[in-house]
Amino acid sequence: MTGRPPAGAGEDDPGAAAARLTGRRVIGRRPLSGAVAEVTLDDGRVVVVKRGDGPEATRAEAAGLRWLAEADAVRVPAVHGHDRHWLVTDRVPQGRPSPQAAVRFGRALAALHAAGAPAFGAPPPGGPREAYIGLAPMRNVPGADWPQWYAEHRVLPYLRRAVDDGTLLPAEAAVVERALERLPGFAGPAEPPARLHGDLWNGNVLWGADGEVRLIDPAAHGGHRETDLAMLHLFGCPHLDRVLDGYQEVAPLADGWTDRIGLHQLFPLLVHTVLFGRGYAAQAVAAARGAGG
């Protein structure tokens, strides 16, 4: 049950939205945050109901989850319905991180990336061009050359906005621009577009009670596989060394990939600079210097 909601659907509470999108009666609800709630249905299932924060946000997230699921690699919550305002998915019962689960996650992440994408910047099938990374807009424009695409459609839009907003100084922006000029020679061997989660920070990695990791809140698109790994490094991940061990078992990374982590972190750091202020500006500049700036 998807499509355009009836008049007033944006005014639904999570329980009403869950009932409408699943066709089941709601017997319980528990708020998790201002935009997310757990809702119990009359068949005993517990689902997560999330309110979209912008135009096309729920469509982008639903399309991303389905595209990741189609790879039959990393597990994601099933989508039970969405409309312009609400998304309903499985709830993931929480467990504890373990080294064994981390290795399995690494192998599955490698398989997800290997499932590929039609182009760098390609949106998931059925997903919008104007998508999101968290609360920030993210435009999915396909390209054939990763360094050029990454500079033009990921780094530069946020660099310009950070300067316009005054959260990044012109001299700091020049460091990032120099790094982008050197990008073609620093980006490593050319690789085909990978199927990315796209916002792979620790908060979007759920360690399930069944011992398996599930990924939520994707900003899915075709990109460079090192970008997802750089996000895991940026904000931390339990047993990250074991995740990488599992990944390298399946799909060894190109030589020098650790030297390129800062390069792939430029985009999320600039997004955070725009959203949250100058606290992230110094990290973005340091990442640019490490990437040849």
Protein backbone atom coordinates (compact mmCIF):
# COMPACT_ATOMS: atom_id res chain seq x y z
CA MET A 1 0.00 0.00 0.00
CA THR A 2 1.92 2.98 -1.29
CA GLY A 3 1.17 6.09 -3.27
CA ARG A 4 -0.41 9.41 -2.59
CA PRO A 5 -2.02 9.61 0.86
CA PRO A 6 -5.57 10.77 1.37
CA ALA A 7 -6.18 14.35 2.39
CA GLY A 8 -4.87 15.00 5.86
CA ALA A 9 -2.54 11.98 5.90
CA GLY A 10 0.31 14.21 6.93
CA GLU A 11 -1.60 14.86 10.13
CA ASP A 12 -1.72 11.16 11.08
CA ASP A 13 -0.08 9.97 14.23
CA PRO A 14 2.23 6.92 13.87
CA GLY A 15 -0.51 4.50 14.91
CA ALA A 16 -2.99 5.80 12.35
CA ALA A 17 -0.31 5.76 9.67
CA ALA A 18 0.64 2.15 10.52
CA ALA A 19 -2.99 1.02 10.39
CA ARG A 20 -3.57 2.72 7.05
CA LEU A 21 -0.38 1.44 5.41
CA THR A 22 -0.50 -2.14 6.71
CA GLY A 23 -4.25 -2.68 6.79
CA ARG A 24 -4.00 -3.96 10.40
CA ARG A 25 -5.51 -2.71 13.62
CA VAL A 26 -3.07 -1.08 16.05
CA ILE A 27 -3.09 -2.31 19.65
CA GLY A 28 -0.08 -0.48 21.06
CA ARG A 29 2.48 2.21 20.36
CA ARG A 30 5.69 3.48 21.92
CA PRO A 31 7.44 6.71 20.85
CA LEU A 32 11.18 6.37 20.19
CA SER A 33 11.79 9.96 19.12
CA GLY A 34 9.87 12.87 17.69
CA ALA A 35 9.79 11.21 14.27
CA VAL A 36 9.95 7.47 15.06
CA ALA A 37 7.68 5.12 17.00
CA GLU A 38 7.24 1.39 17.57
CA VAL A 39 3.71 0.24 16.83
CA THR A 40 2.19 -3.15 17.73
CA LEU A 41 -0.30 -4.58 15.24
CA ASP A 42 -3.20 -6.90 16.01
CA ASP A 43 -1.37 -9.88 14.46
CA GLY A 44 1.42 -9.51 17.04
CA ARG A 45 3.97 -7.87 14.79
CA VAL A 46 5.86 -4.82 16.03
CA VAL A 47 6.78 -2.35 13.31
CA VAL A 48 8.72 0.89 13.22
CA VAL A 49 6.88 3.94 11.89
CA LYS A 50 8.96 6.89 10.73
CA ARG A 51 7.78 10.31 9.61
CA GLY A 52 9.58 11.76 6.59
CA ASP A 53 11.43 15.03 7.08
CA GLY A 54 11.22 16.36 3.54
CA PRO A 55 9.67 15.95 0.09
CA GLU A 56 10.40 12.46 -1.31
CA ALA A 57 12.25 11.42 1.89
CA THR A 58 10.09 8.36 2.52
CA ARG A 59 10.18 7.31 -1.14
CA ALA A 60 13.97 7.61 -1.19
CA GLU A 61 14.38 5.56 1.98
CA ALA A 62 11.90 2.86 0.93
CA ALA A 63 13.52 2.53 -2.50
CA GLY A 64 16.95 2.36 -0.88
CA LEU A 65 15.96 -0.36 1.57
CA ARG A 66 14.43 -2.45 -1.21
CA TRP A 67 17.48 -2.01 -3.46
CA LEU A 68 19.81 -3.10 -0.68
CA ALA A 69 17.58 -6.08 0.09
CA GLU A 70 17.61 -7.17 -3.57
CA ALA A 71 21.36 -7.78 -3.31
CA ASP A 72 20.65 -10.61 -0.84
CA ALA A 73 23.75 -9.61 1.13
CA VAL A 74 23.46 -7.27 4.13
CA ARG A 75 20.15 -7.62 5.96
CA VAL A 76 17.76 -4.67 6.12
CA PRO A 77 14.31 -4.28 7.69
CA ALA A 78 11.46 -5.17 5.33
CA VAL A 79 9.34 -2.28 4.07
CA HIS A 80 5.63 -2.75 4.86
CA GLY A 81 4.38 0.45 3.30
CA HIS A 82 5.07 4.12 2.71
CA ASP A 83 3.44 7.26 1.43
CA ARG A 84 4.53 10.88 1.12
CA HIS A 85 4.78 11.32 4.89
CA TRP A 86 5.29 7.92 6.56
CA LEU A 87 7.42 4.78 6.26
CA VAL A 88 6.62 1.46 7.99
CA THR A 89 9.33 -1.19 8.39
CA ASP A 90 10.19 -4.21 10.49
CA ARG A 91 11.47 -3.61 13.99
CA VAL A 92 14.94 -5.08 14.69
CA PRO A 93 15.19 -6.67 18.17
CA GLN A 94 18.47 -5.41 19.59
CA GLY A 95 21.41 -7.58 20.62
CA ARG A 96 25.07 -6.98 21.45
CA PRO A 97 27.94 -6.51 19.02
CA SER A 98 30.19 -9.56 18.75
CA PRO A 99 33.39 -10.31 16.82
CA GLN A 100 31.65 -13.15 14.98
CA ALA A 101 28.75 -10.95 13.86
CA ALA A 102 31.25 -8.28 12.80
CA VAL A 103 33.09 -10.68 10.49
CA ARG A 104 29.78 -11.79 8.95
CA PHE A 105 28.79 -8.16 8.51
CA GLY A 106 32.06 -7.41 6.72
CA ARG A 107 31.54 -10.30 4.31
CA ALA A 108 27.94 -9.24 3.66
CA LEU A 109 28.94 -5.61 3.10
CA ALA A 110 31.47 -6.72 0.50
CA ALA A 111 28.75 -8.74 -1.25
CA LEU A 112 26.41 -5.74 -1.16
CA HIS A 113 28.99 -3.52 -2.82
CA ALA A 114 29.71 -6.19 -5.44
CA ALA A 115 26.02 -6.19 -6.43
CA GLY A 116 26.86 -2.97 -8.20
CA ALA A 117 24.96 -0.03 -9.62
CA PRO A 118 24.35 1.29 -13.15
CA ALA A 119 26.52 4.37 -12.56
CA PHE A 120 28.10 6.53 -9.90
CA GLY A 121 25.25 8.57 -8.46
CA ALA A 122 22.56 6.23 -9.77
CA PRO A 123 19.52 6.25 -7.48
CA PRO A 124 17.82 3.02 -6.44
CA PRO A 125 15.09 1.85 -8.84
CA GLY A 126 12.00 3.89 -8.06
CA GLY A 127 14.00 6.33 -5.95
CA PRO A 128 14.02 10.09 -6.55
CA ARG A 129 16.85 12.12 -7.99
CA GLU A 130 16.45 14.59 -5.13
CA ALA A 131 17.21 12.33 -2.16
CA TYR A 132 18.68 12.78 1.31
CA ILE A 133 21.57 11.87 3.55
CA GLY A 134 20.04 12.14 7.00
CA LEU A 135 18.33 15.54 7.06
CA ALA A 136 20.46 16.93 4.24
CA PRO A 137 19.55 16.98 0.54
CA MET A 138 21.60 14.67 -1.69
CA ARG A 139 21.22 14.82 -5.46
CA ASN A 140 21.60 11.55 -7.36
CA VAL A 141 23.02 12.49 -10.74
CA PRO A 142 24.65 9.59 -12.67
CA GLY A 143 28.24 9.88 -13.83
CA ALA A 144 30.88 7.60 -15.35
CA ASP A 145 34.07 9.02 -13.78
CA TRP A 146 34.16 8.71 -9.98
CA PRO A 147 36.63 11.53 -9.13
CA GLN A 148 34.76 14.04 -11.29
CA TRP A 149 31.35 12.87 -10.08
CA TYR A 150 32.37 12.90 -6.40
CA ALA A 151 33.80 16.41 -6.64
CA GLU A 152 30.89 17.87 -8.62
CA HIS A 153 27.89 16.18 -7.01
CA ARG A 154 28.98 15.40 -3.47
CA VAL A 155 31.75 17.70 -2.18
CA LEU A 156 31.35 21.00 -4.05
CA PRO A 157 27.63 21.62 -3.34
CA TYR A 158 28.27 21.43 0.39
CA LEU A 159 31.55 23.28 0.19
CA ARG A 160 29.81 26.21 -1.50
CA ARG A 161 26.95 26.19 0.97
CA ALA A 162 29.31 26.05 3.96
CA VAL A 163 31.16 29.12 2.64
CA ASP A 164 27.92 30.97 1.87
CA ASP A 165 26.66 30.22 5.39
CA GLY A 166 29.91 31.39 6.95
CA THR A 167 30.62 28.04 8.60
CA LEU A 168 33.71 27.50 6.45
CA LEU A 169 36.19 30.30 5.80
CA PRO A 170 37.40 31.02 2.23
CA ALA A 171 40.96 30.02 3.15
CA GLU A 172 39.67 26.70 4.52
CA ALA A 173 37.59 26.13 1.40
CA ALA A 174 40.73 26.64 -0.69
CA VAL A 175 42.32 23.64 1.07
CA VAL A 176 39.39 21.48 0.02
CA GLU A 177 39.50 22.84 -3.54
CA ARG A 178 43.20 21.96 -3.83
CA ALA A 179 42.42 18.43 -2.69
CA LEU A 180 39.76 18.14 -5.38
CA GLU A 181 42.22 19.33 -8.04
CA ARG A 182 44.50 16.44 -7.09
CA LEU A 183 41.65 13.96 -6.81
CA PRO A 184 42.13 12.13 -10.15
CA GLY A 185 45.68 11.17 -9.21
CA PHE A 186 44.89 10.36 -5.60
CA ALA A 187 41.67 8.36 -5.94
CA GLY A 188 43.33 4.98 -6.47
CA PRO A 189 42.63 2.42 -9.19
CA ALA A 190 39.39 2.82 -11.10
CA GLU A 191 36.61 0.57 -9.81
CA PRO A 192 33.06 -0.10 -11.04
CA PRO A 193 30.17 1.58 -9.23
CA ALA A 194 29.30 -0.19 -5.98
CA ARG A 195 25.87 -0.49 -4.39
CA LEU A 196 26.29 1.76 -1.35
CA HIS A 197 24.29 2.16 1.82
CA GLY A 198 25.54 5.73 1.61
CA ASP A 199 25.15 6.83 5.25
CA LEU A 200 26.97 4.04 7.03
CA TRP A 201 27.67 5.55 10.41
CA ASN A 202 27.41 3.48 13.58
CA GLY A 203 23.88 4.64 14.39
CA ASN A 204 22.61 3.00 11.20
CA VAL A 205 24.24 -0.36 12.03
CA LEU A 206 21.90 -2.42 14.23
CA TRP A 207 23.28 -5.49 15.99
CA GLY A 208 20.32 -7.84 16.11
CA ALA A 209 19.38 -10.22 18.92
CA ASP A 210 19.74 -13.04 16.39
CA GLY A 211 23.46 -12.29 15.98
CA GLU A 212 23.08 -10.64 12.58
CA VAL A 213 23.64 -7.00 11.63
CA ARG A 214 20.94 -5.00 9.88
CA LEU A 215 21.32 -1.61 8.23
CA ILE A 216 18.75 1.17 8.47
CA ASP A 217 18.26 4.72 7.16
CA PRO A 218 20.16 4.35 3.87
CA ALA A 219 21.15 7.13 1.50
CA ALA A 220 21.59 4.43 -1.13
CA HIS A 221 23.18 5.17 -4.51
CA GLY A 222 25.92 3.99 -6.80
CA GLY A 223 29.32 5.06 -5.50
CA HIS A 224 32.82 4.00 -4.53
CA ARG A 225 32.90 1.15 -2.05
CA GLU A 226 35.60 2.85 0.04
CA THR A 227 33.04 5.56 0.91
CA ASP A 228 30.96 3.22 3.10
CA LEU A 229 34.08 2.01 4.87
CA ALA A 230 35.28 5.57 5.44
CA MET A 231 31.94 6.36 7.12
CA LEU A 232 32.42 3.43 9.48
CA HIS A 233 35.84 4.84 10.39
CA LEU A 234 34.56 8.40 10.80
CA PHE A 235 32.01 7.75 13.53
CA GLY A 236 33.29 4.44 14.89
CA CYS A 237 31.90 0.93 14.76
CA PRO A 238 32.22 -1.92 17.29
CA HIS A 239 34.76 -4.53 16.22
CA LEU A 240 35.65 -2.52 13.12
CA ASP A 241 38.87 -4.48 12.67
CA ARG A 242 36.84 -7.68 12.43
CA VAL A 243 34.39 -6.06 10.01
CA LEU A 244 37.34 -5.21 7.78
CA ASP A 245 38.77 -8.71 8.13
CA GLY A 246 35.50 -10.17 6.85
CA TYR A 247 35.32 -7.61 4.05
CA GLN A 248 38.85 -8.28 2.83
CA GLU A 249 38.20 -12.03 2.81
CA VAL A 250 35.54 -11.51 0.16
CA ALA A 251 36.76 -8.43 -1.73
CA PRO A 252 40.31 -7.24 -0.98
CA LEU A 253 40.65 -3.48 -1.07
CA ALA A 254 43.07 -1.71 -3.39
CA ASP A 255 46.52 -0.81 -2.09
CA GLY A 256 46.61 2.50 -0.24
CA TRP A 257 42.94 2.51 0.66
CA THR A 258 43.62 3.62 4.21
CA ASP A 259 45.39 6.72 2.84
CA ARG A 260 42.16 7.61 1.03
CA ILE A 261 39.85 7.42 4.05
CA GLY A 262 39.98 11.20 4.55
CA LEU A 263 39.12 11.76 0.91
CA HIS A 264 35.92 9.74 1.26
CA GLN A 265 35.09 11.46 4.54
CA LEU A 266 35.07 14.92 2.94
CA PHE A 267 31.43 14.65 1.89
CA PRO A 268 29.93 13.61 5.26
CA LEU A 269 32.14 16.07 7.12
CA LEU A 270 30.99 18.95 4.93
CA VAL A 271 27.38 17.82 5.35
CA HIS A 272 27.89 17.97 9.12
CA THR A 273 29.57 21.36 8.83
CA VAL A 274 26.48 22.72 7.06
CA LEU A 275 23.98 21.06 9.39
CA PHE A 276 25.74 21.48 12.72
CA GLY A 277 28.22 24.34 12.36
CA ARG A 278 31.92 25.00 12.66
CA GLY A 279 32.57 22.15 15.04
CA TYR A 280 33.10 19.94 11.97
CA ALA A 281 34.93 22.48 9.81
CA ALA A 282 38.36 21.70 11.23
CA GLN A 283 37.82 17.98 10.63
CA ALA A 284 36.84 18.63 7.02
CA VAL A 285 39.93 20.75 6.43
CA ALA A 286 42.17 18.13 8.08
CA ALA A 287 40.62 15.43 5.87
CA ALA A 288 41.29 17.57 2.79
CA ARG A 289 44.92 18.06 3.79
CA GLY A 290 45.29 14.32 4.19
CA ALA A 291 43.76 13.85 0.75
CA GLY A 292 46.39 15.92 -0.96
CA GLY A 293 45.16 19.39 -0.10
